[in-house]
Amino acid sequence: MTDKLNCDVSIVIPVYNEEENLPDLVARVGEAMQGSGFSFELICIDDGSRDRSAHVLRDLAAQTPWLHPLYLMRNYGQTAALQAGFDAVTGRYTVTLDGDLQNDPLDIPELIRTLENRPDISMISGWRKERQDAALNRKLPSMLANRLISWATGVQLHDYGCALKAYRTELVRRIRLYGELHRFIPVLAAEAGAKIIEVPVRHHARTKGQSKYGIDRTFRVVLDLLLMKFMLRYLHRPLHAFGGVGLWMLVPGVGMLGYLTLLKITGESIGGRPLLLLGIMMVLMGAQLIAMGLLGEILIRIYHEPEGRDQYRLREPPDRI
């Protein structure tokens, strides 16, 4: 990751099998930015495309000085491609958008001006208010995912899936992406202390290439959301998560076994009672969960203490009223 700032705006675009869109994409970014008054760079990350996207990027970069392609060894996914771009940015501001030309590069200068005029804002998330997609294939799963994420995380946005977002670069360098967490960037940013606003942006129907999204991604969101919920609430106190569930199982289990022990003392047979198996199972599972929580606490301390990683971040004092 570079710490040197060479321009005003770094535009990061992951690319996967977009050879038909790339020439128009680069041209439209240039048209939007060259008259904006902002110096800029365009970082296109080829995510192991199977078509000629890498070759097209190479040829375009040879004649476009502000285009800086990156080529991943294989298809790592959108999250890894975004992180590769974030690691390479040199601008004061960072903007992301998709490579399918559904986002409009003409929106970028206005987003940057908003960041410049609002020093209290760290991130602007685009809202495809008039989305130009098929209702079943794209709109329905997106609507379900957006509502689910907002309900679970408390970060209220209409459109988590809009790739067009603008950040102050210092925020980009405070968050790390892995897995498929690209759709949760606003949540990660909020956890890092960022103030986020959402603004409507233009959206166009795809005219070239093939969409990589479908309703199956809604189910993946549910799994990723479980991870995000755990990270937000229990990352630094795993014993509260595992130990809490463990106690809910251990205490009733001990009560069941205690009750059966009293019956045994009075001479009753308890060997054929289902309650005996249930009590043993709950005690064992509860003890295992508590042990997992204790192990998690040890791992968190190993993570933070050797290199002195902070568990908090300071901010500037508030302005005088």
C-alpha atoms as a PDB file:
ATOM      1  CA  MET A   1       0.000   0.000   0.000  1.00  0.00           C
ATOM      2  CA  THR A   2       1.370   3.372  -0.983  1.00  0.00           C
ATOM      3  CA  ASP A   3       1.255   6.395   1.323  1.00  0.00           C
ATOM      4  CA  LYS A   4       2.191   8.909  -1.351  1.00  0.00           C
ATOM      5  CA  LEU A   5      -0.605  11.116  -2.694  1.00  0.00           C
ATOM      6  CA  ASN A   6      -0.089  11.989  -6.345  1.00  0.00           C
ATOM      7  CA  CYS A   7      -3.523  13.211  -7.447  1.00  0.00           C
ATOM      8  CA  ASP A   8      -6.918  14.374  -6.254  1.00  0.00           C
ATOM      9  CA  VAL A   9      -9.050  11.361  -7.180  1.00  0.00           C
ATOM     10  CA  SER A  10      -8.295   7.664  -7.580  1.00  0.00           C
ATOM     11  CA  ILE A  11     -11.029   5.792  -9.453  1.00  0.00           C
ATOM     12  CA  VAL A  12     -11.067   2.051  -8.733  1.00  0.00           C
ATOM     13  CA  ILE A  13     -12.928  -0.330 -11.052  1.00  0.00           C
ATOM     14  CA  PRO A  14     -12.833  -4.136 -10.760  1.00  0.00           C
ATOM     15  CA  VAL A  15     -13.119  -5.775 -14.172  1.00  0.00           C
ATOM     16  CA  TYR A  16     -14.178  -9.319 -15.016  1.00  0.00           C
ATOM     17  CA  ASN A  17     -14.980 -10.296 -18.618  1.00  0.00           C
ATOM     18  CA  GLU A  18     -15.802  -6.745 -19.738  1.00  0.00           C
ATOM     19  CA  GLU A  19     -13.739  -6.499 -22.946  1.00  0.00           C
ATOM     20  CA  GLU A  20     -16.671  -4.995 -24.863  1.00  0.00           C
ATOM     21  CA  ASN A  21     -17.241  -2.233 -22.311  1.00  0.00           C
ATOM     22  CA  LEU A  22     -13.660  -1.249 -21.498  1.00  0.00           C
ATOM     23  CA  PRO A  23     -12.919   1.185 -24.361  1.00  0.00           C
ATOM     24  CA  ASP A  24     -16.150   3.104 -23.712  1.00  0.00           C
ATOM     25  CA  LEU A  25     -15.588   2.934 -19.942  1.00  0.00           C
ATOM     26  CA  VAL A  26     -12.121   4.481 -20.120  1.00  0.00           C
ATOM     27  CA  ALA A  27     -13.291   7.103 -22.608  1.00  0.00           C
ATOM     28  CA  ARG A  28     -16.279   8.113 -20.478  1.00  0.00           C
ATOM     29  CA  VAL A  29     -14.181   8.342 -17.311  1.00  0.00           C
ATOM     30  CA  GLY A  30     -11.779  10.604 -19.195  1.00  0.00           C
ATOM     31  CA  GLU A  31     -14.613  12.789 -20.471  1.00  0.00           C
ATOM     32  CA  ALA A  32     -16.081  13.121 -16.986  1.00  0.00           C
ATOM     33  CA  MET A  33     -12.826  13.910 -15.197  1.00  0.00           C
ATOM     34  CA  GLN A  34     -10.677  15.881 -17.627  1.00  0.00           C
ATOM     35  CA  GLY A  35     -12.969  18.874 -17.480  1.00  0.00           C
ATOM     36  CA  SER A  36     -13.713  18.613 -13.782  1.00  0.00           C
ATOM     37  CA  GLY A  37     -10.674  20.442 -12.459  1.00  0.00           C
ATOM     38  CA  PHE A  38      -9.536  17.400 -10.464  1.00  0.00           C
ATOM     39  CA  SER A  39      -6.345  15.484 -11.210  1.00  0.00           C
ATOM     40  CA  PHE A  40      -7.096  11.786 -11.319  1.00  0.00           C
ATOM     41  CA  GLU A  41      -5.985   8.244 -11.980  1.00  0.00           C
ATOM     42  CA  LEU A  42      -8.018   5.264 -13.128  1.00  0.00           C
ATOM     43  CA  ILE A  43      -7.094   1.922 -11.564  1.00  0.00           C
ATOM     44  CA  CYS A  44      -8.746  -0.976 -13.387  1.00  0.00           C
ATOM     45  CA  ILE A  45      -8.201  -4.368 -11.777  1.00  0.00           C
ATOM     46  CA  ASP A  46      -8.541  -7.324 -14.104  1.00  0.00           C
ATOM     47  CA  ASP A  47      -9.866 -10.085 -11.871  1.00  0.00           C
ATOM     48  CA  GLY A  48      -8.575 -13.034 -13.883  1.00  0.00           C
ATOM     49  CA  SER A  49     -10.908 -12.402 -16.844  1.00  0.00           C
ATOM     50  CA  ARG A  50     -11.389 -15.272 -19.262  1.00  0.00           C
ATOM     51  CA  ASP A  51     -11.944 -13.005 -22.250  1.00  0.00           C
ATOM     52  CA  ARG A  52      -9.530 -10.402 -23.674  1.00  0.00           C
ATOM     53  CA  SER A  53     -10.121  -7.808 -20.942  1.00  0.00           C
ATOM     54  CA  ALA A  54      -6.482  -7.903 -19.815  1.00  0.00           C
ATOM     55  CA  HIS A  55      -5.239  -7.356 -23.386  1.00  0.00           C
ATOM     56  CA  VAL A  56      -7.674  -4.486 -23.918  1.00  0.00           C
ATOM     57  CA  LEU A  57      -6.535  -2.838 -20.683  1.00  0.00           C
ATOM     58  CA  ARG A  58      -2.890  -3.231 -21.680  1.00  0.00           C
ATOM     59  CA  ASP A  59      -3.499  -1.576 -25.066  1.00  0.00           C
ATOM     60  CA  LEU A  60      -5.554   1.237 -23.560  1.00  0.00           C
ATOM     61  CA  ALA A  61      -2.921   1.921 -20.887  1.00  0.00           C
ATOM     62  CA  ALA A  62      -0.246   2.292 -23.576  1.00  0.00           C
ATOM     63  CA  GLN A  63      -2.050   5.363 -24.904  1.00  0.00           C
ATOM     64  CA  THR A  64      -3.726   6.631 -21.710  1.00  0.00           C
ATOM     65  CA  PRO A  65      -1.256   7.982 -19.117  1.00  0.00           C
ATOM     66  CA  TRP A  66      -3.792   8.184 -16.301  1.00  0.00           C
ATOM     67  CA  LEU A  67      -4.904   4.554 -16.683  1.00  0.00           C
ATOM     68  CA  HIS A  68      -3.072   2.158 -14.344  1.00  0.00           C
ATOM     69  CA  PRO A  69      -4.234  -1.457 -14.799  1.00  0.00           C
ATOM     70  CA  LEU A  70      -3.617  -4.208 -12.280  1.00  0.00           C
ATOM     71  CA  TYR A  71      -3.797  -7.856 -13.275  1.00  0.00           C
ATOM     72  CA  LEU A  72      -4.702 -10.480 -10.692  1.00  0.00           C
ATOM     73  CA  MET A  73      -3.238 -13.957 -11.104  1.00  0.00           C
ATOM     74  CA  ARG A  74      -6.667 -15.578 -11.124  1.00  0.00           C
ATOM     75  CA  ASN A  75     -10.307 -14.800 -10.465  1.00  0.00           C
ATOM     76  CA  TYR A  76     -10.266 -13.902  -6.752  1.00  0.00           C
ATOM     77  CA  GLY A  77     -13.655 -12.180  -6.706  1.00  0.00           C
ATOM     78  CA  GLN A  78     -14.850  -8.604  -6.485  1.00  0.00           C
ATOM     79  CA  THR A  79     -13.823  -8.097  -2.863  1.00  0.00           C
ATOM     80  CA  ALA A  80     -10.176  -9.023  -3.450  1.00  0.00           C
ATOM     81  CA  ALA A  81     -10.088  -6.953  -6.634  1.00  0.00           C
ATOM     82  CA  LEU A  82     -11.379  -3.905  -4.753  1.00  0.00           C
ATOM     83  CA  GLN A  83      -8.797  -4.407  -2.008  1.00  0.00           C
ATOM     84  CA  ALA A  84      -6.042  -4.580  -4.630  1.00  0.00           C
ATOM     85  CA  GLY A  85      -7.258  -1.275  -6.014  1.00  0.00           C
ATOM     86  CA  PHE A  86      -7.511   0.295  -2.550  1.00  0.00           C
ATOM     87  CA  ASP A  87      -3.926  -0.759  -1.845  1.00  0.00           C
ATOM     88  CA  ALA A  88      -2.771   1.062  -4.984  1.00  0.00           C
ATOM     89  CA  VAL A  89      -4.633   4.392  -4.715  1.00  0.00           C
ATOM     90  CA  THR A  90      -2.633   7.616  -4.549  1.00  0.00           C
ATOM     91  CA  GLY A  91      -5.456  10.178  -4.557  1.00  0.00           C
ATOM     92  CA  ARG A  92      -6.893  12.231  -1.715  1.00  0.00           C
ATOM     93  CA  TYR A  93     -10.277  10.777  -2.593  1.00  0.00           C
ATOM     94  CA  THR A  94     -11.176   7.282  -3.781  1.00  0.00           C
ATOM     95  CA  VAL A  95     -14.151   6.464  -5.997  1.00  0.00           C
ATOM     96  CA  THR A  96     -15.404   2.994  -6.932  1.00  0.00           C
ATOM     97  CA  LEU A  97     -17.764   1.960  -9.696  1.00  0.00           C
ATOM     98  CA  ASP A  98     -18.547  -1.101 -11.779  1.00  0.00           C
ATOM     99  CA  GLY A  99     -17.029  -1.806 -15.175  1.00  0.00           C
ATOM    100  CA  ASP A 100     -20.324  -2.503 -16.961  1.00  0.00           C
ATOM    101  CA  LEU A 101     -21.168   1.181 -17.667  1.00  0.00           C
ATOM    102  CA  GLN A 102     -24.353   1.003 -15.609  1.00  0.00           C
ATOM    103  CA  ASN A 103     -22.847   3.567 -13.242  1.00  0.00           C
ATOM    104  CA  ASP A 104     -22.332   6.969 -14.847  1.00  0.00           C
ATOM    105  CA  PRO A 105     -18.819   8.473 -14.501  1.00  0.00           C
ATOM    106  CA  LEU A 106     -20.394  11.921 -14.879  1.00  0.00           C
ATOM    107  CA  ASP A 107     -21.569  11.602 -11.274  1.00  0.00           C
ATOM    108  CA  ILE A 108     -18.004  11.373  -9.947  1.00  0.00           C
ATOM    109  CA  PRO A 109     -17.046  15.101  -9.925  1.00  0.00           C
ATOM    110  CA  GLU A 110     -20.215  16.029  -8.037  1.00  0.00           C
ATOM    111  CA  LEU A 111     -19.538  13.373  -5.399  1.00  0.00           C
ATOM    112  CA  ILE A 112     -16.006  14.712  -4.912  1.00  0.00           C
ATOM    113  CA  ARG A 113     -17.268  18.288  -4.616  1.00  0.00           C
ATOM    114  CA  THR A 114     -19.706  17.142  -1.948  1.00  0.00           C
ATOM    115  CA  LEU A 115     -16.843  15.573   0.021  1.00  0.00           C
ATOM    116  CA  GLU A 116     -14.830  18.781  -0.315  1.00  0.00           C
ATOM    117  CA  ASN A 117     -17.731  20.920   0.869  1.00  0.00           C
ATOM    118  CA  ARG A 118     -18.653  18.571   3.725  1.00  0.00           C
ATOM    119  CA  PRO A 119     -15.537  17.897   5.834  1.00  0.00           C
ATOM    120  CA  ASP A 120     -17.692  15.988   8.331  1.00  0.00           C
ATOM    121  CA  ILE A 121     -18.527  13.336   5.705  1.00  0.00           C
ATOM    122  CA  SER A 122     -16.128  10.437   5.132  1.00  0.00           C
ATOM    123  CA  MET A 123     -18.101   8.420   2.586  1.00  0.00           C
ATOM    124  CA  ILE A 124     -20.855   8.937   0.037  1.00  0.00           C
ATOM    125  CA  SER A 125     -22.837   5.905  -1.094  1.00  0.00           C
ATOM    126  CA  GLY A 126     -24.711   6.043  -4.393  1.00  0.00           C
ATOM    127  CA  TRP A 127     -28.411   5.246  -4.537  1.00  0.00           C
ATOM    128  CA  ARG A 128     -29.755   3.890  -7.816  1.00  0.00           C
ATOM    129  CA  LYS A 129     -33.142   5.476  -7.185  1.00  0.00           C
ATOM    130  CA  GLU A 130     -34.342   4.837 -10.742  1.00  0.00           C
ATOM    131  CA  ARG A 131     -32.671   1.500 -11.326  1.00  0.00           C
ATOM    132  CA  GLN A 132     -32.619   0.172 -14.893  1.00  0.00           C
ATOM    133  CA  ASP A 133     -32.591  -3.585 -14.254  1.00  0.00           C
ATOM    134  CA  ALA A 134     -34.949  -6.508 -14.657  1.00  0.00           C
ATOM    135  CA  ALA A 135     -37.322  -6.659 -11.690  1.00  0.00           C
ATOM    136  CA  LEU A 136     -36.940 -10.350 -10.861  1.00  0.00           C
ATOM    137  CA  ASN A 137     -33.289 -10.953 -11.666  1.00  0.00           C
ATOM    138  CA  ARG A 138     -31.755  -7.873 -10.050  1.00  0.00           C
ATOM    139  CA  LYS A 139     -34.237  -5.589  -8.280  1.00  0.00           C
ATOM    140  CA  LEU A 140     -35.986  -8.181  -6.125  1.00  0.00           C
ATOM    141  CA  PRO A 141     -32.862  -9.817  -4.603  1.00  0.00           C
ATOM    142  CA  SER A 142     -31.271  -6.391  -4.153  1.00  0.00           C
ATOM    143  CA  MET A 143     -34.336  -5.038  -2.328  1.00  0.00           C
ATOM    144  CA  LEU A 144     -34.426  -8.052  -0.017  1.00  0.00           C
ATOM    145  CA  ALA A 145     -30.692  -7.840   0.698  1.00  0.00           C
ATOM    146  CA  ASN A 146     -30.780  -4.080   1.364  1.00  0.00           C
ATOM    147  CA  ARG A 147     -33.603  -4.350   3.873  1.00  0.00           C
ATOM    148  CA  LEU A 148     -32.029  -7.326   5.598  1.00  0.00           C
ATOM    149  CA  ILE A 149     -28.632  -5.628   5.941  1.00  0.00           C
ATOM    150  CA  SER A 150     -30.135  -2.367   7.222  1.00  0.00           C
ATOM    151  CA  TRP A 151     -32.236  -4.243   9.783  1.00  0.00           C
ATOM    152  CA  ALA A 152     -29.346  -6.371  11.006  1.00  0.00           C
ATOM    153  CA  THR A 153     -26.574  -3.750  11.097  1.00  0.00           C
ATOM    154  CA  GLY A 154     -28.402  -0.525  11.900  1.00  0.00           C
ATOM    155  CA  VAL A 155     -26.737   1.275   8.965  1.00  0.00           C
ATOM    156  CA  GLN A 156     -29.710   2.687   7.074  1.00  0.00           C
ATOM    157  CA  LEU A 157     -29.097   2.797   3.325  1.00  0.00           C
ATOM    158  CA  HIS A 158     -31.446   2.224   0.408  1.00  0.00           C
ATOM    159  CA  ASP A 159     -28.851   0.666  -1.873  1.00  0.00           C
ATOM    160  CA  TYR A 160     -25.894  -1.271  -0.501  1.00  0.00           C
ATOM    161  CA  GLY A 161     -25.215  -2.834  -3.892  1.00  0.00           C
ATOM    162  CA  CYS A 162     -24.495   0.376  -5.795  1.00  0.00           C
ATOM    163  CA  ALA A 163     -20.819   0.231  -6.721  1.00  0.00           C
ATOM    164  CA  LEU A 164     -20.577   4.007  -7.163  1.00  0.00           C
ATOM    165  CA  LYS A 165     -19.186   5.249  -3.867  1.00  0.00           C
ATOM    166  CA  ALA A 166     -16.793   8.035  -2.907  1.00  0.00           C
ATOM    167  CA  TYR A 167     -14.451   7.975   0.085  1.00  0.00           C
ATOM    168  CA  ARG A 168     -11.783   9.997   1.734  1.00  0.00           C
ATOM    169  CA  THR A 169      -8.692   7.897   1.152  1.00  0.00           C
ATOM    170  CA  GLU A 170      -7.781   7.816   4.836  1.00  0.00           C
ATOM    171  CA  LEU A 171     -11.019   5.880   5.412  1.00  0.00           C
ATOM    172  CA  VAL A 172     -10.183   3.402   2.646  1.00  0.00           C
ATOM    173  CA  ARG A 173      -6.864   2.700   4.342  1.00  0.00           C
ATOM    174  CA  ARG A 174      -8.566   1.963   7.667  1.00  0.00           C
ATOM    175  CA  ILE A 175     -10.723  -0.880   6.383  1.00  0.00           C
ATOM    176  CA  ARG A 176      -9.706  -4.270   5.026  1.00  0.00           C
ATOM    177  CA  LEU A 177     -11.794  -6.399   2.698  1.00  0.00           C
ATOM    178  CA  TYR A 178     -11.781 -10.157   2.400  1.00  0.00           C
ATOM    179  CA  GLY A 179     -14.201 -12.951   1.551  1.00  0.00           C
ATOM    180  CA  GLU A 180     -17.197 -11.281  -0.104  1.00  0.00           C
ATOM    181  CA  LEU A 181     -17.447  -8.245   2.148  1.00  0.00           C
ATOM    182  CA  HIS A 182     -17.522  -5.692  -0.678  1.00  0.00           C
ATOM    183  CA  ARG A 183     -21.290  -5.350  -0.279  1.00  0.00           C
ATOM    184  CA  PHE A 184     -20.776  -4.481   3.398  1.00  0.00           C
ATOM    185  CA  ILE A 185     -18.293  -1.643   2.894  1.00  0.00           C
ATOM    186  CA  PRO A 186     -20.701   0.946   4.405  1.00  0.00           C
ATOM    187  CA  VAL A 187     -21.019  -1.252   7.505  1.00  0.00           C
ATOM    188  CA  LEU A 188     -17.237  -1.610   7.791  1.00  0.00           C
ATOM    189  CA  ALA A 189     -16.870   2.142   7.280  1.00  0.00           C
ATOM    190  CA  ALA A 190     -19.432   2.889   9.975  1.00  0.00           C
ATOM    191  CA  GLU A 191     -17.610   0.527  12.335  1.00  0.00           C
ATOM    192  CA  ALA A 192     -14.412   2.476  11.583  1.00  0.00           C
ATOM    193  CA  GLY A 193     -16.137   5.681  12.704  1.00  0.00           C
ATOM    194  CA  ALA A 194     -17.093   7.116   9.312  1.00  0.00           C
ATOM    195  CA  LYS A 195     -20.067   9.388   8.763  1.00  0.00           C
ATOM    196  CA  ILE A 196     -21.930   8.228   5.652  1.00  0.00           C
ATOM    197  CA  ILE A 197     -24.513   9.903   3.470  1.00  0.00           C
ATOM    198  CA  GLU A 198     -26.435   8.499   0.526  1.00  0.00           C
ATOM    199  CA  VAL A 199     -27.192  10.448  -2.648  1.00  0.00           C
ATOM    200  CA  PRO A 200     -29.168   9.466  -5.765  1.00  0.00           C
ATOM    201  CA  VAL A 201     -27.009   8.699  -8.810  1.00  0.00           C
ATOM    202  CA  ARG A 202     -27.757   7.875 -12.418  1.00  0.00           C
ATOM    203  CA  HIS A 203     -28.106   4.296 -13.536  1.00  0.00           C
ATOM    204  CA  HIS A 204     -28.164   2.823 -17.035  1.00  0.00           C
ATOM    205  CA  ALA A 205     -29.247  -0.521 -18.400  1.00  0.00           C
ATOM    206  CA  ARG A 206     -26.457  -2.883 -19.429  1.00  0.00           C
ATOM    207  CA  THR A 207     -25.988  -2.820 -23.197  1.00  0.00           C
ATOM    208  CA  LYS A 208     -22.916  -5.046 -23.614  1.00  0.00           C
ATOM    209  CA  GLY A 209     -21.591  -8.129 -21.887  1.00  0.00           C
ATOM    210  CA  GLN A 210     -23.370 -10.373 -19.421  1.00  0.00           C
ATOM    211  CA  SER A 211     -24.473  -9.712 -15.862  1.00  0.00           C
ATOM    212  CA  LYS A 212     -22.672 -11.660 -13.124  1.00  0.00           C
ATOM    213  CA  TYR A 213     -25.459 -11.225 -10.579  1.00  0.00           C
ATOM    214  CA  GLY A 214     -28.528 -13.314  -9.805  1.00  0.00           C
ATOM    215  CA  ILE A 215     -31.054 -14.159  -7.131  1.00  0.00           C
ATOM    216  CA  ASP A 216     -28.664 -16.759  -5.671  1.00  0.00           C
ATOM    217  CA  ARG A 217     -26.559 -13.935  -4.238  1.00  0.00           C
ATOM    218  CA  THR A 218     -29.342 -13.108  -1.799  1.00  0.00           C
ATOM    219  CA  PHE A 219     -28.653 -16.379   0.000  1.00  0.00           C
ATOM    220  CA  ARG A 220     -24.921 -15.596   0.148  1.00  0.00           C
ATOM    221  CA  VAL A 221     -25.776 -12.241   1.716  1.00  0.00           C
ATOM    222  CA  VAL A 222     -27.491 -14.041   4.592  1.00  0.00           C
ATOM    223  CA  LEU A 223     -24.329 -16.015   5.365  1.00  0.00           C
ATOM    224  CA  ASP A 224     -22.079 -12.961   5.062  1.00  0.00           C
ATOM    225  CA  LEU A 225     -24.503 -11.023   7.236  1.00  0.00           C
ATOM    226  CA  LEU A 226     -24.048 -13.543  10.050  1.00  0.00           C
ATOM    227  CA  LEU A 227     -20.310 -12.877   9.858  1.00  0.00           C
ATOM    228  CA  MET A 228     -20.821  -9.106   9.873  1.00  0.00           C
ATOM    229  CA  LYS A 229     -23.195  -9.302  12.835  1.00  0.00           C
ATOM    230  CA  PHE A 230     -20.642 -11.298  14.790  1.00  0.00           C
ATOM    231  CA  MET A 231     -17.804  -8.940  13.832  1.00  0.00           C
ATOM    232  CA  LEU A 232     -19.736  -5.833  14.810  1.00  0.00           C
ATOM    233  CA  ARG A 233     -20.935  -7.106  18.177  1.00  0.00           C
ATOM    234  CA  TYR A 234     -18.549  -9.809  19.333  1.00  0.00           C
ATOM    235  CA  LEU A 235     -15.232  -9.523  17.488  1.00  0.00           C
ATOM    236  CA  HIS A 236     -13.439  -8.217  20.588  1.00  0.00           C
ATOM    237  CA  ARG A 237     -15.495 -10.224  23.108  1.00  0.00           C
ATOM    238  CA  PRO A 238     -16.146 -13.685  21.652  1.00  0.00           C
ATOM    239  CA  LEU A 239     -16.760 -15.141  25.110  1.00  0.00           C
ATOM    240  CA  HIS A 240     -19.987 -13.122  25.288  1.00  0.00           C
ATOM    241  CA  ALA A 241     -21.219 -14.787  22.086  1.00  0.00           C
ATOM    242  CA  PHE A 242     -20.154 -18.403  22.575  1.00  0.00           C
ATOM    243  CA  GLY A 243     -20.223 -18.302  26.354  1.00  0.00           C
ATOM    244  CA  GLY A 244     -23.696 -16.772  26.433  1.00  0.00           C
ATOM    245  CA  VAL A 245     -25.167 -19.537  24.296  1.00  0.00           C
ATOM    246  CA  GLY A 246     -23.138 -22.075  26.239  1.00  0.00           C
ATOM    247  CA  LEU A 247     -24.591 -20.931  29.568  1.00  0.00           C
ATOM    248  CA  TRP A 248     -28.121 -21.098  28.176  1.00  0.00           C
ATOM    249  CA  MET A 249     -27.441 -24.771  27.434  1.00  0.00           C
ATOM    250  CA  LEU A 250     -25.242 -25.627  30.403  1.00  0.00           C
ATOM    251  CA  VAL A 251     -27.485 -24.332  33.190  1.00  0.00           C
ATOM    252  CA  PRO A 252     -30.667 -26.190  32.095  1.00  0.00           C
ATOM    253  CA  GLY A 253     -28.555 -29.295  31.405  1.00  0.00           C
ATOM    254  CA  VAL A 254     -27.107 -29.219  34.908  1.00  0.00           C
ATOM    255  CA  GLY A 255     -30.617 -28.718  36.281  1.00  0.00           C
ATOM    256  CA  MET A 256     -31.890 -31.763  34.394  1.00  0.00           C
ATOM    257  CA  LEU A 257     -29.034 -33.951  35.603  1.00  0.00           C
ATOM    258  CA  GLY A 258     -29.463 -32.660  39.147  1.00  0.00           C
ATOM    259  CA  TYR A 259     -33.153 -33.547  39.068  1.00  0.00           C
ATOM    260  CA  LEU A 260     -32.372 -37.034  37.750  1.00  0.00           C
ATOM    261  CA  THR A 261     -29.701 -37.482  40.424  1.00  0.00           C
ATOM    262  CA  LEU A 262     -32.285 -36.815  43.134  1.00  0.00           C
ATOM    263  CA  LEU A 263     -34.586 -39.378  41.538  1.00  0.00           C
ATOM    264  CA  LYS A 264     -31.744 -41.888  41.452  1.00  0.00           C
ATOM    265  CA  ILE A 265     -31.029 -41.296  45.135  1.00  0.00           C
ATOM    266  CA  THR A 266     -34.656 -42.044  45.966  1.00  0.00           C
ATOM    267  CA  GLY A 267     -34.358 -45.374  44.157  1.00  0.00           C
ATOM    268  CA  GLU A 268     -36.042 -44.606  40.829  1.00  0.00           C
ATOM    269  CA  SER A 269     -34.567 -45.870  37.564  1.00  0.00           C
ATOM    270  CA  ILE A 270     -33.397 -43.116  35.251  1.00  0.00           C
ATOM    271  CA  GLY A 271     -31.451 -45.125  32.644  1.00  0.00           C
ATOM    272  CA  GLY A 272     -34.276 -45.168  30.077  1.00  0.00           C
ATOM    273  CA  ARG A 273     -35.354 -41.544  30.431  1.00  0.00           C
ATOM    274  CA  PRO A 274     -34.868 -39.267  27.360  1.00  0.00           C
ATOM    275  CA  LEU A 275     -34.250 -36.451  29.841  1.00  0.00           C
ATOM    276  CA  LEU A 276     -30.947 -38.090  30.785  1.00  0.00           C
ATOM    277  CA  LEU A 277     -29.619 -37.997  27.228  1.00  0.00           C
ATOM    278  CA  LEU A 278     -30.894 -34.452  26.725  1.00  0.00           C
ATOM    279  CA  GLY A 279     -29.241 -33.261  29.931  1.00  0.00           C
ATOM    280  CA  ILE A 280     -25.897 -34.861  29.069  1.00  0.00           C
ATOM    281  CA  MET A 281     -26.006 -33.427  25.561  1.00  0.00           C
ATOM    282  CA  MET A 282     -26.792 -29.894  26.781  1.00  0.00           C
ATOM    283  CA  VAL A 283     -24.040 -30.000  29.416  1.00  0.00           C
ATOM    284  CA  LEU A 284     -21.440 -31.189  26.918  1.00  0.00           C
ATOM    285  CA  MET A 285     -22.460 -28.687  24.236  1.00  0.00           C
ATOM    286  CA  GLY A 286     -22.627 -25.829  26.730  1.00  0.00           C
ATOM    287  CA  ALA A 287     -19.162 -26.633  28.077  1.00  0.00           C
ATOM    288  CA  GLN A 288     -17.772 -26.811  24.526  1.00  0.00           C
ATOM    289  CA  LEU A 289     -19.252 -23.439  23.584  1.00  0.00           C
ATOM    290  CA  ILE A 290     -17.837 -21.782  26.703  1.00  0.00           C
ATOM    291  CA  ALA A 291     -14.445 -23.320  25.925  1.00  0.00           C
ATOM    292  CA  MET A 292     -14.688 -21.920  22.366  1.00  0.00           C
ATOM    293  CA  GLY A 293     -15.415 -18.485  23.803  1.00  0.00           C
ATOM    294  CA  LEU A 294     -12.384 -18.665  26.104  1.00  0.00           C
ATOM    295  CA  LEU A 295     -10.224 -19.789  23.181  1.00  0.00           C
ATOM    296  CA  GLY A 296     -11.541 -16.884  21.133  1.00  0.00           C
ATOM    297  CA  GLU A 297     -10.607 -14.439  23.906  1.00  0.00           C
ATOM    298  CA  ILE A 298      -7.068 -15.827  23.921  1.00  0.00           C
ATOM    299  CA  LEU A 299      -6.814 -15.509  20.134  1.00  0.00           C
ATOM    300  CA  ILE A 300      -8.034 -11.899  20.250  1.00  0.00           C
ATOM    301  CA  ARG A 301      -5.319 -11.043  22.742  1.00  0.00           C
ATOM    302  CA  ILE A 302      -2.713 -12.806  20.609  1.00  0.00           C
ATOM    303  CA  TYR A 303      -3.940 -10.752  17.642  1.00  0.00           C
ATOM    304  CA  HIS A 304      -3.767  -7.387  19.399  1.00  0.00           C
ATOM    305  CA  GLU A 305      -0.900  -7.582  21.859  1.00  0.00           C
ATOM    306  CA  PRO A 306       2.266  -8.705  19.973  1.00  0.00           C
ATOM    307  CA  GLU A 307       2.126  -5.865  17.424  1.00  0.00           C
ATOM    308  CA  GLY A 308       0.263  -3.403  19.599  1.00  0.00           C
ATOM    309  CA  ARG A 309      -2.828  -3.246  17.372  1.00  0.00           C
ATOM    310  CA  ASP A 310      -5.288  -0.640  18.602  1.00  0.00           C
ATOM    311  CA  GLN A 311      -8.803  -1.617  19.614  1.00  0.00           C
ATOM    312  CA  TYR A 312      -9.934   1.984  19.180  1.00  0.00           C
ATOM    313  CA  ARG A 313      -9.330   5.110  17.085  1.00  0.00           C
ATOM    314  CA  LEU A 314      -9.202   8.710  18.254  1.00  0.00           C
ATOM    315  CA  ARG A 315     -10.844  11.622  16.485  1.00  0.00           C
ATOM    316  CA  GLU A 316     -10.381  15.360  16.454  1.00  0.00           C
ATOM    317  CA  PRO A 317     -12.127  17.346  19.200  1.00  0.00           C
ATOM    318  CA  PRO A 318     -15.531  18.816  18.257  1.00  0.00           C
ATOM    319  CA  ASP A 319     -15.719  22.377  16.988  1.00  0.00           C
ATOM    320  CA  ARG A 320     -16.625  25.099  19.428  1.00  0.00           C
ATOM    321  CA  ILE A 321     -20.258  26.133  19.355  1.00  0.00           C
END
